[in-house]
Protein backbone atom coordinates (compact mmCIF):
# COMPACT_ATOMS: atom_id res chain seq x y z
CA MET A 1 -98.75 -120.03 -261.36
CA ALA A 2 -100.75 -120.76 -258.03
CA SER A 3 -98.61 -119.78 -255.64
CA SER A 4 -98.03 -116.53 -257.02
CA ILE A 5 -101.73 -115.86 -256.98
CA GLU A 6 -101.82 -116.45 -253.83
CA ASN A 7 -98.93 -114.19 -253.10
CA VAL A 8 -100.81 -111.70 -254.78
CA PHE A 9 -103.86 -111.91 -252.76
CA HIS A 10 -102.32 -113.17 -249.36
CA GLU A 11 -102.65 -109.85 -246.86
CA THR A 12 -102.48 -109.37 -243.16
CA ARG A 13 -104.20 -106.37 -242.03
CA THR A 14 -104.99 -105.14 -237.84
CA PHE A 15 -107.41 -102.63 -237.64
CA GLU A 16 -107.41 -101.28 -233.96
CA VAL A 17 -111.08 -101.36 -232.50
CA GLY A 18 -111.64 -99.94 -229.29
CA ALA A 19 -112.72 -101.61 -226.37
CA GLU A 20 -116.25 -99.92 -226.36
CA ASN A 21 -117.10 -101.79 -230.00
CA CYS A 22 -115.79 -105.06 -228.62
CA GLN A 23 -118.82 -106.30 -226.59
CA PRO A 24 -120.99 -108.92 -227.86
CA HIS A 25 -125.07 -107.90 -227.87
CA LEU A 26 -125.22 -111.53 -227.54
CA THR A 27 -123.07 -114.01 -225.87
CA ASN A 28 -124.31 -117.50 -227.39
CA PHE A 29 -126.40 -119.16 -229.94
CA GLN A 30 -128.86 -119.82 -227.83
CA GLU A 31 -129.91 -116.45 -226.84
CA TYR A 32 -130.02 -115.58 -230.32
CA GLN A 33 -132.16 -118.42 -231.08
CA GLU A 34 -134.52 -117.29 -227.91
CA MET A 35 -134.96 -114.02 -229.31
CA TYR A 36 -135.68 -115.25 -233.19
CA GLN A 37 -138.52 -116.92 -231.44
CA ARG A 38 -139.75 -114.28 -229.54
CA SER A 39 -139.29 -112.23 -232.43
CA LEU A 40 -142.29 -114.93 -234.07
CA THR A 41 -144.25 -115.33 -231.29
CA ASP A 42 -144.58 -111.90 -229.96
CA PRO A 43 -143.19 -109.28 -232.62
CA GLU A 44 -145.16 -106.28 -231.12
CA GLY A 45 -143.57 -107.30 -227.74
CA PHE A 46 -140.41 -107.91 -229.27
CA TRP A 47 -140.04 -105.33 -231.63
CA GLY A 48 -140.91 -102.85 -229.14
CA GLU A 49 -138.29 -103.15 -227.43
CA ILE A 50 -135.67 -102.81 -229.91
CA ALA A 51 -137.61 -99.46 -231.06
CA ALA A 52 -137.17 -98.38 -227.50
CA GLU A 53 -133.60 -98.29 -227.72
CA PHE A 54 -133.33 -94.87 -230.17
CA ALA A 55 -135.41 -91.84 -230.14
CA TRP A 56 -138.24 -90.99 -231.01
CA PHE A 57 -139.75 -87.73 -231.27
CA LYS A 58 -143.43 -89.01 -230.75
CA LYS A 59 -143.66 -92.41 -229.65
CA TRP A 60 -145.86 -94.66 -232.15
CA ASP A 61 -149.49 -95.73 -231.66
CA ARG A 62 -148.72 -99.43 -232.38
CA VAL A 63 -145.50 -101.58 -233.37
CA ASN A 64 -147.10 -103.39 -236.03
CA GLN A 65 -150.45 -104.12 -238.37
CA TRP A 66 -150.37 -106.12 -241.52
CA ASP A 67 -153.21 -106.81 -243.77
CA TRP A 68 -152.73 -109.73 -246.31
CA ASP A 69 -156.10 -109.91 -248.18
CA GLN A 70 -157.15 -107.91 -251.43
CA THR A 71 -153.96 -105.63 -250.81
CA ILE A 72 -150.48 -106.28 -249.05
CA GLN A 73 -150.83 -103.79 -246.63
CA VAL A 74 -147.61 -103.42 -243.83
CA LYS A 75 -147.63 -100.93 -241.34
CA TRP A 76 -144.91 -100.36 -238.58
CA PHE A 77 -144.88 -98.25 -235.86
CA GLU A 78 -147.71 -96.36 -236.99
CA GLY A 79 -148.02 -92.89 -235.78
CA GLY A 80 -144.71 -92.84 -234.22
CA LYS A 81 -142.18 -89.77 -235.06
CA THR A 82 -138.16 -90.45 -235.28
CA ASN A 83 -135.27 -89.40 -237.86
CA LEU A 84 -132.78 -91.98 -239.16
CA ALA A 85 -129.75 -89.35 -238.81
CA PHE A 86 -130.75 -88.33 -235.21
CA ASN A 87 -130.72 -91.56 -234.43
CA CYS A 88 -127.50 -92.52 -236.25
CA LEU A 89 -125.09 -89.20 -234.72
CA ASP A 90 -127.35 -86.97 -232.82
CA ARG A 91 -127.74 -88.72 -229.69
CA HIS A 92 -124.01 -89.76 -229.82
CA ILE A 93 -122.15 -86.18 -230.05
CA GLU A 94 -122.33 -85.90 -226.30
CA SER A 95 -120.87 -89.59 -225.51
CA ARG A 96 -119.14 -90.55 -228.70
CA GLY A 97 -118.33 -87.40 -230.27
CA GLU A 98 -114.91 -87.82 -230.79
CA THR A 99 -115.31 -91.68 -231.19
CA ILE A 100 -114.27 -92.83 -234.97
CA ALA A 101 -117.70 -93.36 -236.80
CA ILE A 102 -116.21 -93.62 -240.18
CA LEU A 103 -112.57 -95.57 -240.54
CA TRP A 104 -112.27 -95.03 -244.68
CA GLU A 105 -109.45 -96.95 -246.48
CA GLY A 106 -109.28 -96.30 -250.16
CA ASN A 107 -107.77 -98.42 -253.13
CA ASP A 108 -104.77 -97.46 -251.96
CA ALA A 109 -103.88 -98.74 -248.49
CA SER A 110 -101.97 -95.67 -247.66
CA GLU A 111 -105.15 -93.50 -248.78
CA GLN A 112 -107.57 -93.32 -245.29
CA ARG A 113 -109.80 -91.17 -243.38
CA LYS A 114 -111.05 -91.23 -239.70
CA ILE A 115 -113.75 -89.37 -239.09
CA SER A 116 -115.41 -88.95 -235.32
CA TYR A 117 -119.14 -88.58 -234.81
CA ARG A 118 -118.76 -84.80 -234.48
CA GLU A 119 -117.15 -84.45 -237.99
CA LEU A 120 -119.56 -86.54 -239.21
CA PHE A 121 -122.38 -84.68 -237.72
CA GLU A 122 -120.83 -81.94 -238.57
CA GLU A 123 -120.13 -82.43 -242.67
CA VAL A 124 -123.81 -83.80 -242.36
CA GLY A 125 -125.43 -80.79 -240.73
CA ARG A 126 -123.81 -78.60 -243.82
CA LEU A 127 -125.02 -80.90 -246.72
CA ALA A 128 -127.98 -81.22 -245.48
CA ASN A 129 -128.33 -77.14 -245.38
CA GLY A 130 -126.86 -77.24 -248.49
CA LEU A 131 -129.70 -79.45 -250.40
CA LYS A 132 -131.93 -77.16 -248.22
CA SER A 133 -130.82 -74.47 -249.66
CA LEU A 134 -131.18 -75.99 -253.08
CA GLY A 135 -134.68 -76.45 -251.73
CA VAL A 136 -134.86 -80.13 -251.30
CA LYS A 137 -137.26 -80.79 -248.96
CA LYS A 138 -139.46 -84.14 -246.60
CA GLY A 139 -140.63 -86.43 -249.07
CA ASP A 140 -138.50 -84.91 -252.48
CA ARG A 141 -136.63 -88.31 -253.91
CA ILE A 142 -132.88 -87.96 -254.41
CA ALA A 143 -130.78 -90.47 -256.85
CA ILE A 144 -127.21 -90.17 -255.50
CA TYR A 145 -124.75 -91.54 -258.16
CA MET A 146 -121.66 -91.78 -255.86
CA GLY A 147 -118.43 -94.15 -255.43
CA MET A 148 -117.81 -95.73 -252.03
CA VAL A 149 -116.54 -92.76 -249.85
CA PRO A 150 -117.27 -91.43 -247.02
CA GLU A 151 -119.10 -88.31 -248.97
CA LEU A 152 -121.68 -91.31 -249.79
CA ALA A 153 -122.72 -92.11 -246.00
CA MET A 154 -122.89 -87.97 -245.43
CA SER A 155 -125.33 -88.09 -248.38
CA LEU A 156 -127.71 -90.56 -246.77
CA LEU A 157 -127.56 -89.20 -243.32
CA ALA A 158 -128.50 -85.39 -245.27
CA CYS A 159 -130.94 -87.27 -247.09
CA ALA A 160 -132.47 -88.90 -243.89
CA ARG A 161 -131.81 -85.26 -241.83
CA LEU A 162 -134.28 -83.53 -243.63
CA GLY A 163 -136.88 -86.17 -244.63
CA ALA A 164 -135.66 -86.95 -248.15
CA VAL A 165 -136.34 -90.58 -249.41
CA HIS A 166 -132.58 -90.89 -251.16
CA ASN A 167 -131.89 -93.85 -254.19
CA VAL A 168 -128.46 -95.10 -254.17
CA ILE A 169 -127.14 -95.76 -258.24
CA PHE A 170 -123.36 -96.90 -257.62
CA GLY A 171 -120.84 -96.88 -261.23
CA GLY A 172 -120.95 -99.67 -263.94
CA PHE A 173 -124.40 -99.45 -265.02
CA SER A 174 -125.40 -98.42 -268.71
CA ALA A 175 -127.09 -95.24 -269.54
CA GLU A 176 -130.46 -96.94 -270.01
CA SER A 177 -129.78 -98.69 -266.95
CA LEU A 178 -129.15 -95.41 -264.42
CA LYS A 179 -132.10 -94.04 -266.57
CA GLU A 180 -134.13 -96.96 -265.09
CA ARG A 181 -133.11 -96.64 -261.62
CA ILE A 182 -133.19 -92.68 -261.38
CA LEU A 183 -136.89 -93.09 -262.78
CA ASP A 184 -137.12 -95.93 -260.45
């Protein structure tokens, strides 16, 4: 019996990854430890450098500020203005437009989709415009009930593009659990 189970679950697949995606950010564990230590001793400088790698419409006034007294208050990049969808898509269109952004495989291995940054950008824009036409605006709350398909990522990015707060709810919950998550 054990050997038949092993045979059922043993699978070898290879996914081609472009050379541009194979360059390690860190080359060894010592580099990681040094970065980690710096994040503890100089969080303002460390996270400021990390954040500077992203696109900002307005640079922050201060990287972080916290108050642990009466009420816990933590603020990151106060005064700054950026957009997740812009950082995930727009800034990559010129240099990586035709590169695969999403490689999706369904439950059946023959069901595959390859979506480039440019295609993803266009779909997110269409979805954001559709949400906007329904009256969705910055600060609105959106609950997304969807399976693990590329349209889920598109929905999240469309909400981010508009500044709408999103909550992802996956299937398998009871009606009461769905209600609680939607209300949260």
